[in-house]
Amino acid sequence: MQSPSASEHLQVIRTLMERSALYRRALAPITIFVGSLGLVAAFAGWQFQITQPVAFIVYWYVVGAVAISGAFLMVRRQALKDAEPFWSPPTRRVARAMLPPLTAGFLLGALLALTRFLPSGVTPPTDGLPPGWINLVCLPLLWVILYGCAVHASGFFMTRGMQLFGWLIIAGGCASFLVGAPPESRLPLVGYGIMGGFFGLLHIAYGVYLYFTENRGSQP
């Protein structure tokens, strides 16, 4: 005899499998929206020369909040359109899976920002690296890798493509570390290039792929 908890888990898994096509349809506009926002934000931040460490971190936190809010509204609209509850057990599972790496990325940025207000002797070691490398290059790459972990974790409850997309982000972020530190004068350009490339162009490409493959899959 199954326990109530086991029955609930089976029901959640069954519901997730039944809604995999629905989630795939919802992902296309969300990833295109997030990618477009990331690309525009990277270009705007570079143009306005938001390169001070704290300003850089706060700027991308604001962009991230806008992206999450927009995705939330799009998912909610899709749920209302399909007459389904928004905060359903499957949705909670996906949110809980993504929360740890996203929280880690948020805390890393917050801790680095706080060090700017500590006494001058309390600063992260750079070991001869260009000033600003940690904030403008290392931190964005850590954000990329942790975000890839969050995407991969969500893939256990959605389509297999999300896991592959997560691995692509993780691999790209790790490989970028092998390039080494750029010259100090190019740090802002590289930092915004990382954010615009991973959170912008890569998301747009994946969203377009989902859009066209879903259209082909829905044709008789």
N, C-alpha and C. Protein backbone atom coordinates (compact mmCIF):
# COMPACT_ATOMS: atom_id res chain seq x y z
N MET A 1 0.85 -1.20 0.00
CA MET A 1 0.00 0.00 0.00
C MET A 1 0.89 1.25 0.00
N GLN A 2 0.58 2.16 -0.92
CA GLN A 2 1.39 3.35 -1.05
C GLN A 2 1.03 4.37 0.02
N SER A 3 2.05 5.05 0.52
CA SER A 3 1.81 6.12 1.48
C SER A 3 1.28 7.34 0.75
N PRO A 4 0.62 8.26 1.48
CA PRO A 4 0.14 9.49 0.84
C PRO A 4 1.25 10.28 0.18
N SER A 5 2.45 10.28 0.80
CA SER A 5 3.56 11.02 0.23
C SER A 5 3.99 10.42 -1.10
N ALA A 6 4.08 9.08 -1.16
CA ALA A 6 4.47 8.42 -2.40
C ALA A 6 3.44 8.64 -3.49
N SER A 7 2.17 8.59 -3.12
CA SER A 7 1.11 8.84 -4.10
C SER A 7 1.19 10.26 -4.65
N GLU A 8 1.52 11.21 -3.76
CA GLU A 8 1.65 12.60 -4.21
C GLU A 8 2.82 12.75 -5.18
N HIS A 9 3.94 12.08 -4.88
CA HIS A 9 5.10 12.15 -5.77
C HIS A 9 4.76 11.57 -7.14
N LEU A 10 4.07 10.44 -7.16
CA LEU A 10 3.70 9.83 -8.43
C LEU A 10 2.76 10.73 -9.22
N GLN A 11 1.84 11.39 -8.52
CA GLN A 11 0.91 12.27 -9.20
C GLN A 11 1.64 13.47 -9.80
N VAL A 12 2.62 14.00 -9.05
CA VAL A 12 3.40 15.13 -9.56
C VAL A 12 4.17 14.73 -10.80
N ILE A 13 4.81 13.54 -10.76
CA ILE A 13 5.58 13.07 -11.91
C ILE A 13 4.68 12.87 -13.11
N ARG A 14 3.50 12.29 -12.88
CA ARG A 14 2.56 12.06 -13.97
C ARG A 14 2.10 13.39 -14.57
N THR A 15 1.83 14.36 -13.70
CA THR A 15 1.39 15.67 -14.19
C THR A 15 2.48 16.36 -14.98
N LEU A 16 3.73 16.25 -14.51
CA LEU A 16 4.84 16.87 -15.23
C LEU A 16 5.01 16.25 -16.61
N MET A 17 4.86 14.94 -16.72
CA MET A 17 4.98 14.28 -18.02
C MET A 17 3.86 14.70 -18.95
N GLU A 18 2.66 14.85 -18.40
CA GLU A 18 1.53 15.26 -19.23
C GLU A 18 1.67 16.70 -19.72
N ARG A 19 2.34 17.52 -18.91
CA ARG A 19 2.44 18.94 -19.26
C ARG A 19 3.76 19.30 -19.93
N SER A 20 4.57 18.29 -20.29
CA SER A 20 5.87 18.60 -20.88
C SER A 20 5.74 19.41 -22.15
N ALA A 21 4.73 19.09 -22.98
CA ALA A 21 4.53 19.86 -24.21
C ALA A 21 4.10 21.29 -23.90
N LEU A 22 3.26 21.44 -22.87
CA LEU A 22 2.83 22.78 -22.48
C LEU A 22 4.00 23.61 -21.98
N TYR A 23 4.86 23.01 -21.16
CA TYR A 23 6.03 23.72 -20.66
C TYR A 23 6.95 24.11 -21.81
N ARG A 24 7.07 23.23 -22.79
CA ARG A 24 7.94 23.51 -23.92
C ARG A 24 7.41 24.71 -24.71
N ARG A 25 6.11 24.79 -24.89
CA ARG A 25 5.53 25.94 -25.59
C ARG A 25 5.75 27.22 -24.80
N ALA A 26 5.62 27.15 -23.48
CA ALA A 26 5.78 28.34 -22.66
C ALA A 26 7.23 28.79 -22.61
N LEU A 27 8.17 27.84 -22.77
CA LEU A 27 9.58 28.19 -22.67
C LEU A 27 10.06 29.05 -23.83
N ALA A 28 9.52 28.85 -25.01
CA ALA A 28 9.99 29.58 -26.18
C ALA A 28 9.86 31.09 -26.00
N PRO A 29 8.67 31.63 -25.70
CA PRO A 29 8.58 33.08 -25.51
C PRO A 29 9.35 33.58 -24.29
N ILE A 30 9.44 32.75 -23.25
CA ILE A 30 10.16 33.18 -22.04
C ILE A 30 11.65 33.32 -22.33
N THR A 31 12.25 32.32 -22.99
CA THR A 31 13.68 32.39 -23.27
C THR A 31 14.00 33.51 -24.26
N ILE A 32 13.11 33.74 -25.22
CA ILE A 32 13.34 34.85 -26.16
C ILE A 32 13.24 36.18 -25.43
N PHE A 33 12.27 36.30 -24.53
CA PHE A 33 12.15 37.53 -23.74
C PHE A 33 13.38 37.76 -22.88
N VAL A 34 13.80 36.72 -22.15
CA VAL A 34 14.96 36.85 -21.27
C VAL A 34 16.21 37.16 -22.09
N GLY A 35 16.36 36.48 -23.22
CA GLY A 35 17.52 36.72 -24.06
C GLY A 35 17.54 38.12 -24.64
N SER A 36 16.40 38.60 -25.08
CA SER A 36 16.33 39.96 -25.63
C SER A 36 16.64 40.99 -24.55
N LEU A 37 16.10 40.78 -23.36
CA LEU A 37 16.38 41.68 -22.25
C LEU A 37 17.86 41.66 -21.89
N GLY A 38 18.46 40.47 -21.83
CA GLY A 38 19.87 40.36 -21.50
C GLY A 38 20.76 41.04 -22.53
N LEU A 39 20.41 40.89 -23.80
CA LEU A 39 21.22 41.50 -24.86
C LEU A 39 21.12 43.02 -24.82
N VAL A 40 19.90 43.53 -24.67
CA VAL A 40 19.71 44.98 -24.59
C VAL A 40 20.39 45.55 -23.35
N ALA A 41 20.26 44.84 -22.22
CA ALA A 41 20.86 45.31 -20.98
C ALA A 41 22.37 45.34 -21.07
N ALA A 42 22.97 44.33 -21.71
CA ALA A 42 24.42 44.31 -21.88
C ALA A 42 24.88 45.49 -22.74
N PHE A 43 24.17 45.75 -23.82
CA PHE A 43 24.55 46.86 -24.70
C PHE A 43 24.38 48.20 -23.97
N ALA A 44 23.26 48.35 -23.24
CA ALA A 44 23.00 49.61 -22.53
C ALA A 44 24.02 49.83 -21.43
N GLY A 45 24.33 48.78 -20.66
CA GLY A 45 25.30 48.92 -19.58
C GLY A 45 26.68 49.30 -20.10
N TRP A 46 27.06 48.73 -21.24
CA TRP A 46 28.35 49.07 -21.83
C TRP A 46 28.35 50.51 -22.35
N GLN A 47 27.26 50.92 -22.99
CA GLN A 47 27.18 52.27 -23.53
C GLN A 47 27.22 53.32 -22.42
N PHE A 48 26.56 53.05 -21.32
CA PHE A 48 26.54 54.00 -20.21
C PHE A 48 27.72 53.81 -19.25
N GLN A 49 28.62 52.89 -19.60
CA GLN A 49 29.84 52.67 -18.83
C GLN A 49 29.57 52.42 -17.34
N ILE A 50 28.66 51.48 -17.08
CA ILE A 50 28.39 51.05 -15.71
C ILE A 50 29.43 50.00 -15.36
N THR A 51 30.60 50.46 -14.92
CA THR A 51 31.72 49.55 -14.73
C THR A 51 32.24 49.52 -13.29
N GLN A 52 31.77 50.41 -12.44
CA GLN A 52 32.16 50.33 -11.04
C GLN A 52 31.60 49.04 -10.43
N PRO A 53 32.38 48.36 -9.60
CA PRO A 53 31.97 47.03 -9.11
C PRO A 53 30.56 46.97 -8.53
N VAL A 54 30.26 47.87 -7.59
CA VAL A 54 28.95 47.83 -6.96
C VAL A 54 27.86 48.18 -7.96
N ALA A 55 28.11 49.20 -8.79
CA ALA A 55 27.11 49.60 -9.79
C ALA A 55 26.85 48.46 -10.77
N PHE A 56 27.91 47.75 -11.17
CA PHE A 56 27.77 46.63 -12.10
C PHE A 56 26.89 45.54 -11.50
N ILE A 57 27.15 45.20 -10.24
CA ILE A 57 26.37 44.15 -9.59
C ILE A 57 24.92 44.56 -9.41
N VAL A 58 24.71 45.78 -8.91
CA VAL A 58 23.34 46.25 -8.69
C VAL A 58 22.59 46.34 -10.01
N TYR A 59 23.25 46.80 -11.05
CA TYR A 59 22.62 46.92 -12.37
C TYR A 59 22.09 45.57 -12.84
N TRP A 60 22.91 44.53 -12.73
CA TRP A 60 22.47 43.22 -13.20
C TRP A 60 21.45 42.58 -12.26
N TYR A 61 21.46 42.97 -10.99
CA TYR A 61 20.40 42.51 -10.10
C TYR A 61 19.05 43.10 -10.52
N VAL A 62 19.07 44.36 -10.91
CA VAL A 62 17.83 45.00 -11.38
C VAL A 62 17.36 44.33 -12.67
N VAL A 63 18.30 44.07 -13.59
CA VAL A 63 17.94 43.39 -14.83
C VAL A 63 17.37 42.00 -14.53
N GLY A 64 18.00 41.28 -13.60
CA GLY A 64 17.51 39.97 -13.22
C GLY A 64 16.11 40.01 -12.62
N ALA A 65 15.84 41.04 -11.81
CA ALA A 65 14.51 41.18 -11.21
C ALA A 65 13.46 41.43 -12.29
N VAL A 66 13.82 42.24 -13.30
CA VAL A 66 12.89 42.50 -14.41
C VAL A 66 12.65 41.22 -15.19
N ALA A 67 13.71 40.44 -15.43
CA ALA A 67 13.57 39.19 -16.17
C ALA A 67 12.68 38.19 -15.42
N ILE A 68 12.88 38.07 -14.11
CA ILE A 68 12.06 37.15 -13.32
C ILE A 68 10.60 37.60 -13.29
N SER A 69 10.39 38.91 -13.14
CA SER A 69 9.03 39.44 -13.13
C SER A 69 8.33 39.19 -14.45
N GLY A 70 9.05 39.45 -15.56
CA GLY A 70 8.45 39.22 -16.87
C GLY A 70 8.14 37.76 -17.10
N ALA A 71 9.06 36.86 -16.72
CA ALA A 71 8.82 35.43 -16.87
C ALA A 71 7.63 34.99 -16.01
N PHE A 72 7.54 35.54 -14.80
CA PHE A 72 6.43 35.21 -13.91
C PHE A 72 5.10 35.59 -14.55
N LEU A 73 5.03 36.78 -15.11
CA LEU A 73 3.78 37.24 -15.74
C LEU A 73 3.43 36.39 -16.96
N MET A 74 4.44 35.98 -17.73
CA MET A 74 4.18 35.16 -18.91
C MET A 74 3.69 33.78 -18.53
N VAL A 75 4.30 33.19 -17.49
CA VAL A 75 3.85 31.87 -17.04
C VAL A 75 2.44 31.96 -16.46
N ARG A 76 2.18 33.01 -15.70
CA ARG A 76 0.85 33.19 -15.12
C ARG A 76 -0.21 33.36 -16.20
N ARG A 77 0.11 34.13 -17.23
CA ARG A 77 -0.84 34.32 -18.33
C ARG A 77 -1.11 33.00 -19.04
N GLN A 78 -0.04 32.19 -19.23
CA GLN A 78 -0.22 30.89 -19.86
C GLN A 78 -1.09 29.98 -19.00
N ALA A 79 -0.89 30.03 -17.67
CA ALA A 79 -1.69 29.20 -16.78
C ALA A 79 -3.16 29.61 -16.82
N LEU A 80 -3.42 30.94 -16.82
CA LEU A 80 -4.80 31.41 -16.89
C LEU A 80 -5.43 31.04 -18.22
N LYS A 81 -4.65 31.11 -19.28
CA LYS A 81 -5.16 30.76 -20.61
C LYS A 81 -5.59 29.31 -20.68
N ASP A 82 -4.81 28.43 -20.02
CA ASP A 82 -5.11 27.00 -20.03
C ASP A 82 -5.98 26.57 -18.85
N ALA A 83 -6.47 27.57 -18.08
CA ALA A 83 -7.34 27.29 -16.93
C ALA A 83 -6.69 26.34 -15.94
N GLU A 84 -5.40 26.58 -15.64
CA GLU A 84 -4.68 25.76 -14.71
C GLU A 84 -4.14 26.62 -13.57
N PRO A 85 -3.99 26.04 -12.37
CA PRO A 85 -3.41 26.82 -11.26
C PRO A 85 -1.97 27.17 -11.54
N PHE A 86 -1.57 28.38 -11.19
CA PHE A 86 -0.19 28.81 -11.44
C PHE A 86 0.78 28.13 -10.48
N TRP A 87 0.56 28.26 -9.18
CA TRP A 87 1.47 27.73 -8.18
C TRP A 87 1.09 26.30 -7.84
N SER A 88 1.15 25.43 -8.84
CA SER A 88 0.78 24.02 -8.68
C SER A 88 1.95 23.23 -8.10
N PRO A 89 1.71 22.00 -7.63
CA PRO A 89 2.82 21.18 -7.12
C PRO A 89 3.97 21.03 -8.11
N PRO A 90 3.74 20.78 -9.42
CA PRO A 90 4.87 20.71 -10.34
C PRO A 90 5.65 22.01 -10.43
N THR A 91 4.95 23.14 -10.42
CA THR A 91 5.64 24.43 -10.47
C THR A 91 6.50 24.63 -9.23
N ARG A 92 5.98 24.22 -8.08
CA ARG A 92 6.76 24.34 -6.84
C ARG A 92 8.00 23.47 -6.90
N ARG A 93 7.90 22.28 -7.50
CA ARG A 93 9.06 21.41 -7.62
C ARG A 93 10.14 22.08 -8.48
N VAL A 94 9.75 22.66 -9.60
CA VAL A 94 10.71 23.33 -10.47
C VAL A 94 11.36 24.50 -9.75
N ALA A 95 10.57 25.29 -9.02
CA ALA A 95 11.10 26.45 -8.30
C ALA A 95 12.08 26.01 -7.23
N ARG A 96 11.76 24.96 -6.48
CA ARG A 96 12.66 24.48 -5.43
C ARG A 96 13.95 23.92 -6.02
N ALA A 97 13.87 23.30 -7.19
CA ALA A 97 15.07 22.76 -7.81
C ALA A 97 16.03 23.87 -8.25
N MET A 98 15.48 24.98 -8.72
CA MET A 98 16.31 26.07 -9.23
C MET A 98 16.80 27.00 -8.12
N LEU A 99 16.14 26.98 -6.98
CA LEU A 99 16.43 27.98 -5.94
C LEU A 99 17.85 27.93 -5.38
N PRO A 100 18.42 26.75 -5.04
CA PRO A 100 19.76 26.75 -4.42
C PRO A 100 20.85 27.41 -5.27
N PRO A 101 21.04 27.03 -6.55
CA PRO A 101 22.10 27.70 -7.31
C PRO A 101 21.82 29.18 -7.56
N LEU A 102 20.55 29.54 -7.75
CA LEU A 102 20.23 30.95 -7.95
C LEU A 102 20.51 31.75 -6.69
N THR A 103 20.20 31.18 -5.53
CA THR A 103 20.50 31.85 -4.26
C THR A 103 22.00 32.01 -4.08
N ALA A 104 22.76 30.98 -4.43
CA ALA A 104 24.22 31.05 -4.31
C ALA A 104 24.77 32.18 -5.18
N GLY A 105 24.27 32.31 -6.41
CA GLY A 105 24.73 33.38 -7.28
C GLY A 105 24.39 34.75 -6.73
N PHE A 106 23.19 34.88 -6.18
CA PHE A 106 22.79 36.15 -5.59
C PHE A 106 23.69 36.52 -4.40
N LEU A 107 23.95 35.55 -3.54
CA LEU A 107 24.76 35.82 -2.35
C LEU A 107 26.21 36.13 -2.70
N LEU A 108 26.74 35.47 -3.73
CA LEU A 108 28.11 35.77 -4.16
C LEU A 108 28.24 37.23 -4.58
N GLY A 109 27.30 37.68 -5.39
CA GLY A 109 27.33 39.07 -5.82
C GLY A 109 27.15 40.04 -4.66
N ALA A 110 26.24 39.70 -3.75
CA ALA A 110 26.00 40.58 -2.60
C ALA A 110 27.23 40.67 -1.71
N LEU A 111 27.91 39.53 -1.49
CA LEU A 111 29.10 39.54 -0.64
C LEU A 111 30.23 40.34 -1.28
N LEU A 112 30.40 40.20 -2.61
CA LEU A 112 31.43 40.98 -3.28
C LEU A 112 31.11 42.47 -3.23
N ALA A 113 29.83 42.81 -3.35
CA ALA A 113 29.45 44.22 -3.26
C ALA A 113 29.70 44.76 -1.86
N LEU A 114 29.44 43.95 -0.84
CA LEU A 114 29.62 44.40 0.54
C LEU A 114 31.10 44.64 0.86
N THR A 115 32.00 43.89 0.22
CA THR A 115 33.42 44.09 0.51
C THR A 115 33.88 45.48 0.11
N ARG A 116 33.14 46.15 -0.77
CA ARG A 116 33.54 47.50 -1.17
C ARG A 116 33.32 48.50 -0.05
N PHE A 117 32.50 48.12 0.93
CA PHE A 117 32.21 49.02 2.04
C PHE A 117 32.97 48.65 3.31
N LEU A 118 33.78 47.58 3.23
CA LEU A 118 34.60 47.17 4.36
C LEU A 118 35.91 47.96 4.36
N PRO A 119 36.68 47.93 5.44
CA PRO A 119 37.97 48.61 5.45
C PRO A 119 38.84 48.17 4.28
N SER A 120 39.72 49.06 3.85
CA SER A 120 40.51 48.81 2.65
C SER A 120 41.35 47.55 2.73
N GLY A 121 41.71 47.15 3.94
CA GLY A 121 42.51 45.94 4.09
C GLY A 121 41.73 44.67 3.90
N VAL A 122 40.40 44.75 3.87
CA VAL A 122 39.57 43.56 3.73
C VAL A 122 39.06 43.51 2.30
N THR A 123 39.82 42.92 1.41
CA THR A 123 39.43 42.80 0.01
C THR A 123 39.78 41.41 -0.48
N PRO A 124 39.03 40.89 -1.45
CA PRO A 124 39.35 39.56 -1.97
C PRO A 124 40.72 39.55 -2.62
N PRO A 125 41.52 38.50 -2.43
CA PRO A 125 42.84 38.43 -3.06
C PRO A 125 42.72 38.29 -4.57
N THR A 126 43.59 38.97 -5.30
CA THR A 126 43.58 38.90 -6.77
C THR A 126 44.81 38.22 -7.32
N ASP A 127 45.88 38.05 -6.50
CA ASP A 127 47.09 37.36 -6.94
C ASP A 127 47.65 37.94 -8.24
N GLY A 128 47.73 39.25 -8.31
CA GLY A 128 48.32 39.89 -9.47
C GLY A 128 47.39 40.07 -10.65
N LEU A 129 46.14 39.64 -10.54
CA LEU A 129 45.19 39.81 -11.64
C LEU A 129 44.80 41.28 -11.76
N PRO A 130 44.30 41.70 -12.92
CA PRO A 130 43.91 43.11 -13.09
C PRO A 130 42.84 43.52 -12.10
N PRO A 131 42.90 44.73 -11.56
CA PRO A 131 41.84 45.21 -10.66
C PRO A 131 40.49 45.17 -11.36
N GLY A 132 39.50 44.69 -10.66
CA GLY A 132 38.16 44.59 -11.24
C GLY A 132 37.87 43.26 -11.91
N TRP A 133 38.89 42.39 -12.03
CA TRP A 133 38.67 41.11 -12.70
C TRP A 133 37.63 40.27 -11.97
N ILE A 134 37.68 40.27 -10.64
CA ILE A 134 36.74 39.45 -9.87
C ILE A 134 35.31 39.91 -10.11
N ASN A 135 35.07 41.23 -10.11
CA ASN A 135 33.71 41.74 -10.23
C ASN A 135 33.20 41.74 -11.67
N LEU A 136 34.06 42.04 -12.61
CA LEU A 136 33.61 42.25 -13.99
C LEU A 136 33.74 41.01 -14.88
N VAL A 137 34.54 40.03 -14.48
CA VAL A 137 34.71 38.84 -15.30
C VAL A 137 34.44 37.57 -14.50
N CYS A 138 35.11 37.42 -13.36
CA CYS A 138 34.95 36.20 -12.57
C CYS A 138 33.51 36.04 -12.07
N LEU A 139 32.95 37.10 -11.51
CA LEU A 139 31.58 37.00 -10.99
C LEU A 139 30.56 36.69 -12.08
N PRO A 140 30.59 37.37 -13.25
CA PRO A 140 29.65 36.99 -14.32
C PRO A 140 29.78 35.53 -14.73
N LEU A 141 31.02 35.01 -14.79
CA LEU A 141 31.18 33.61 -15.16
C LEU A 141 30.64 32.68 -14.08
N LEU A 142 30.80 33.04 -12.82
CA LEU A 142 30.20 32.25 -11.75
C LEU A 142 28.68 32.30 -11.82
N TRP A 143 28.13 33.48 -12.15
CA TRP A 143 26.68 33.59 -12.36
C TRP A 143 26.24 32.66 -13.47
N VAL A 144 27.00 32.64 -14.56
CA VAL A 144 26.66 31.79 -15.70
C VAL A 144 26.63 30.32 -15.29
N ILE A 145 27.68 29.87 -14.59
CA ILE A 145 27.78 28.46 -14.21
C ILE A 145 26.66 28.07 -13.24
N LEU A 146 26.40 28.91 -12.25
CA LEU A 146 25.34 28.60 -11.28
C LEU A 146 23.96 28.65 -11.95
N TYR A 147 23.78 29.58 -12.87
CA TYR A 147 22.51 29.63 -13.60
C TYR A 147 22.35 28.37 -14.45
N GLY A 148 23.45 27.91 -15.06
CA GLY A 148 23.38 26.66 -15.81
C GLY A 148 22.99 25.49 -14.93
N CYS A 149 23.50 25.48 -13.69
CA CYS A 149 23.10 24.43 -12.74
C CYS A 149 21.60 24.51 -12.44
N ALA A 150 21.08 25.72 -12.31
CA ALA A 150 19.64 25.89 -12.04
C ALA A 150 18.82 25.40 -13.23
N VAL A 151 19.25 25.74 -14.44
CA VAL A 151 18.52 25.29 -15.63
C VAL A 151 18.56 23.77 -15.73
N HIS A 152 19.73 23.19 -15.47
CA HIS A 152 19.85 21.73 -15.52
C HIS A 152 18.95 21.07 -14.48
N ALA A 153 18.90 21.65 -13.28
CA ALA A 153 18.04 21.08 -12.24
C ALA A 153 16.57 21.13 -12.64
N SER A 154 16.16 22.22 -13.28
CA SER A 154 14.77 22.32 -13.72
C SER A 154 14.45 21.30 -14.80
N GLY A 155 15.49 20.87 -15.54
CA GLY A 155 15.27 19.91 -16.61
C GLY A 155 14.82 18.54 -16.13
N PHE A 156 15.04 18.23 -14.84
CA PHE A 156 14.56 16.96 -14.31
C PHE A 156 13.03 16.93 -14.22
N PHE A 157 12.41 18.11 -14.28
CA PHE A 157 10.95 18.18 -14.16
C PHE A 157 10.30 18.71 -15.44
N MET A 158 11.12 18.95 -16.47
CA MET A 158 10.56 19.44 -17.73
C MET A 158 11.11 18.60 -18.88
N THR A 159 11.42 19.23 -19.99
CA THR A 159 11.89 18.49 -21.14
C THR A 159 13.39 18.22 -21.03
N ARG A 160 13.85 17.18 -21.72
CA ARG A 160 15.26 16.80 -21.69
C ARG A 160 16.14 17.92 -22.27
N GLY A 161 15.58 18.70 -23.19
CA GLY A 161 16.35 19.78 -23.78
C GLY A 161 16.83 20.79 -22.76
N MET A 162 16.10 20.97 -21.67
CA MET A 162 16.52 21.91 -20.64
C MET A 162 17.80 21.44 -19.96
N GLN A 163 17.93 20.13 -19.75
CA GLN A 163 19.16 19.61 -19.18
C GLN A 163 20.34 19.84 -20.10
N LEU A 164 20.15 19.60 -21.39
CA LEU A 164 21.22 19.83 -22.36
C LEU A 164 21.57 21.31 -22.43
N PHE A 165 20.56 22.17 -22.38
CA PHE A 165 20.80 23.61 -22.38
C PHE A 165 21.59 24.02 -21.15
N GLY A 166 21.23 23.44 -20.01
CA GLY A 166 21.97 23.72 -18.78
C GLY A 166 23.42 23.29 -18.88
N TRP A 167 23.66 22.10 -19.44
CA TRP A 167 25.04 21.64 -19.61
C TRP A 167 25.82 22.55 -20.55
N LEU A 168 25.16 23.04 -21.59
CA LEU A 168 25.82 23.95 -22.53
C LEU A 168 26.26 25.22 -21.83
N ILE A 169 25.40 25.76 -20.98
CA ILE A 169 25.74 26.98 -20.24
C ILE A 169 26.89 26.71 -19.27
N ILE A 170 26.82 25.60 -18.54
CA ILE A 170 27.87 25.26 -17.58
C ILE A 170 29.20 25.08 -18.30
N ALA A 171 29.20 24.32 -19.39
CA ALA A 171 30.44 24.06 -20.13
C ALA A 171 31.02 25.36 -20.69
N GLY A 172 30.14 26.23 -21.22
CA GLY A 172 30.62 27.49 -21.75
C GLY A 172 31.22 28.38 -20.68
N GLY A 173 30.59 28.41 -19.51
CA GLY A 173 31.11 29.23 -18.42
C GLY A 173 32.45 28.71 -17.92
N CYS A 174 32.57 27.38 -17.77
CA CYS A 174 33.83 26.81 -17.30
C CYS A 174 34.93 27.01 -18.34
N ALA A 175 34.61 26.80 -19.61
CA ALA A 175 35.62 26.96 -20.66
C ALA A 175 36.11 28.40 -20.74
N SER A 176 35.24 29.35 -20.43
CA SER A 176 35.63 30.75 -20.51
C SER A 176 36.72 31.09 -19.50
N PHE A 177 36.76 30.37 -18.39
CA PHE A 177 37.82 30.60 -17.41
C PHE A 177 39.19 30.25 -17.98
N LEU A 178 39.23 29.31 -18.93
CA LEU A 178 40.50 28.88 -19.50
C LEU A 178 41.14 29.96 -20.36
N VAL A 179 40.36 30.92 -20.80
CA VAL A 179 40.89 31.99 -21.65
C VAL A 179 41.86 32.86 -20.86
N GLY A 180 41.63 32.96 -19.56
CA GLY A 180 42.49 33.79 -18.72
C GLY A 180 41.96 35.20 -18.59
N ALA A 181 42.64 36.00 -17.81
CA ALA A 181 42.21 37.36 -17.53
C ALA A 181 42.59 38.28 -18.69
N PRO A 182 41.65 39.07 -19.19
CA PRO A 182 41.97 40.02 -20.26
C PRO A 182 42.71 41.24 -19.70
N PRO A 183 43.24 42.08 -20.56
CA PRO A 183 43.87 43.32 -20.08
C PRO A 183 42.86 44.17 -19.32
N GLU A 184 43.37 44.98 -18.41
CA GLU A 184 42.49 45.78 -17.56
C GLU A 184 41.56 46.67 -18.38
N SER A 185 42.05 47.22 -19.47
CA SER A 185 41.25 48.14 -20.28
C SER A 185 40.06 47.45 -20.95
N ARG A 186 40.12 46.11 -21.08
CA ARG A 186 39.04 45.38 -21.76
C ARG A 186 38.12 44.66 -20.79
N LEU A 187 38.36 44.81 -19.49
CA LEU A 187 37.53 44.11 -18.51
C LEU A 187 36.04 44.43 -18.64
N PRO A 188 35.64 45.72 -18.73
CA PRO A 188 34.21 46.00 -18.87
C PRO A 188 33.60 45.39 -20.12
N LEU A 189 34.32 45.48 -21.24
CA LEU A 189 33.81 44.91 -22.49
C LEU A 189 33.63 43.40 -22.37
N VAL A 190 34.60 42.73 -21.76
CA VAL A 190 34.50 41.28 -21.60
C VAL A 190 33.36 40.92 -20.65
N GLY A 191 33.22 41.68 -19.55
CA GLY A 191 32.15 41.40 -18.60
C GLY A 191 30.77 41.51 -19.23
N TYR A 192 30.56 42.60 -19.97
CA TYR A 192 29.26 42.76 -20.63
C TYR A 192 29.09 41.79 -21.79
N GLY A 193 30.22 41.40 -22.40
CA GLY A 193 30.14 40.39 -23.45
C GLY A 193 29.69 39.04 -22.90
N ILE A 194 30.20 38.70 -21.71
CA ILE A 194 29.78 37.45 -21.07
C ILE A 194 28.28 37.47 -20.78
N MET A 195 27.82 38.56 -20.19
CA MET A 195 26.40 38.65 -19.83
C MET A 195 25.51 38.66 -21.08
N GLY A 196 25.91 39.45 -22.07
CA GLY A 196 25.12 39.51 -23.29
C GLY A 196 25.16 38.23 -24.10
N GLY A 197 26.30 37.54 -24.07
CA GLY A 197 26.42 36.31 -24.83
C GLY A 197 25.64 35.15 -24.22
N PHE A 198 25.83 34.94 -22.93
CA PHE A 198 25.18 33.79 -22.28
C PHE A 198 23.71 34.06 -21.96
N PHE A 199 23.44 35.23 -21.37
CA PHE A 199 22.06 35.53 -20.97
C PHE A 199 21.27 36.20 -22.08
N GLY A 200 21.95 36.59 -23.17
CA GLY A 200 21.29 37.23 -24.28
C GLY A 200 21.20 36.34 -25.50
N LEU A 201 22.28 36.27 -26.26
CA LEU A 201 22.27 35.56 -27.54
C LEU A 201 21.96 34.08 -27.39
N LEU A 202 22.53 33.42 -26.38
CA LEU A 202 22.29 32.00 -26.20
C LEU A 202 20.83 31.70 -25.90
N HIS A 203 20.19 32.55 -25.10
CA HIS A 203 18.78 32.36 -24.79
C HIS A 203 17.90 32.61 -26.02
N ILE A 204 18.24 33.64 -26.77
CA ILE A 204 17.47 33.91 -27.99
C ILE A 204 17.55 32.73 -28.95
N ALA A 205 18.77 32.20 -29.13
CA ALA A 205 18.95 31.06 -30.03
C ALA A 205 18.14 29.85 -29.56
N TYR A 206 18.16 29.57 -28.26
CA TYR A 206 17.40 28.43 -27.75
C TYR A 206 15.90 28.67 -27.87
N GLY A 207 15.46 29.90 -27.62
CA GLY A 207 14.04 30.21 -27.75
C GLY A 207 13.56 30.07 -29.18
N VAL A 208 14.36 30.52 -30.14
CA VAL A 208 13.99 30.38 -31.56
C VAL A 208 13.93 28.90 -31.94
N TYR A 209 14.90 28.13 -31.44
CA TYR A 209 14.88 26.69 -31.71
C TYR A 209 13.60 26.05 -31.17
N LEU A 210 13.25 26.38 -29.93
CA LEU A 210 12.02 25.83 -29.34
C LEU A 210 10.79 26.24 -30.14
N TYR A 211 10.77 27.48 -30.58
CA TYR A 211 9.60 27.99 -31.31
C TYR A 211 9.39 27.23 -32.61
N PHE A 212 10.44 27.06 -33.40
CA PHE A 212 10.28 26.41 -34.69
C PHE A 212 10.11 24.91 -34.58
N THR A 213 10.79 24.27 -33.64
CA THR A 213 10.61 22.83 -33.49
C THR A 213 9.23 22.52 -32.92
N GLU A 214 8.70 23.40 -32.08
CA GLU A 214 7.35 23.18 -31.56
C GLU A 214 6.33 23.34 -32.67
N ASN A 215 6.51 24.32 -33.55
CA ASN A 215 5.61 24.49 -34.68
C ASN A 215 5.63 23.27 -35.58
N ARG A 216 6.81 22.72 -35.83
CA ARG A 216 6.89 21.52 -36.67
C ARG A 216 6.23 20.34 -35.98
N GLY A 217 6.43 20.26 -34.64
CA GLY A 217 5.86 19.13 -33.92
C GLY A 217 4.36 19.19 -33.82
N SER A 218 3.79 20.40 -33.91
CA SER A 218 2.34 20.53 -33.79
C SER A 218 1.62 20.39 -35.11
N GLN A 219 2.40 20.32 -36.23
CA GLN A 219 1.75 20.19 -37.51
C GLN A 219 1.31 18.76 -37.71
N PRO A 220 0.16 18.54 -38.42
CA PRO A 220 -0.30 17.17 -38.64
C PRO A 220 0.60 16.43 -39.60
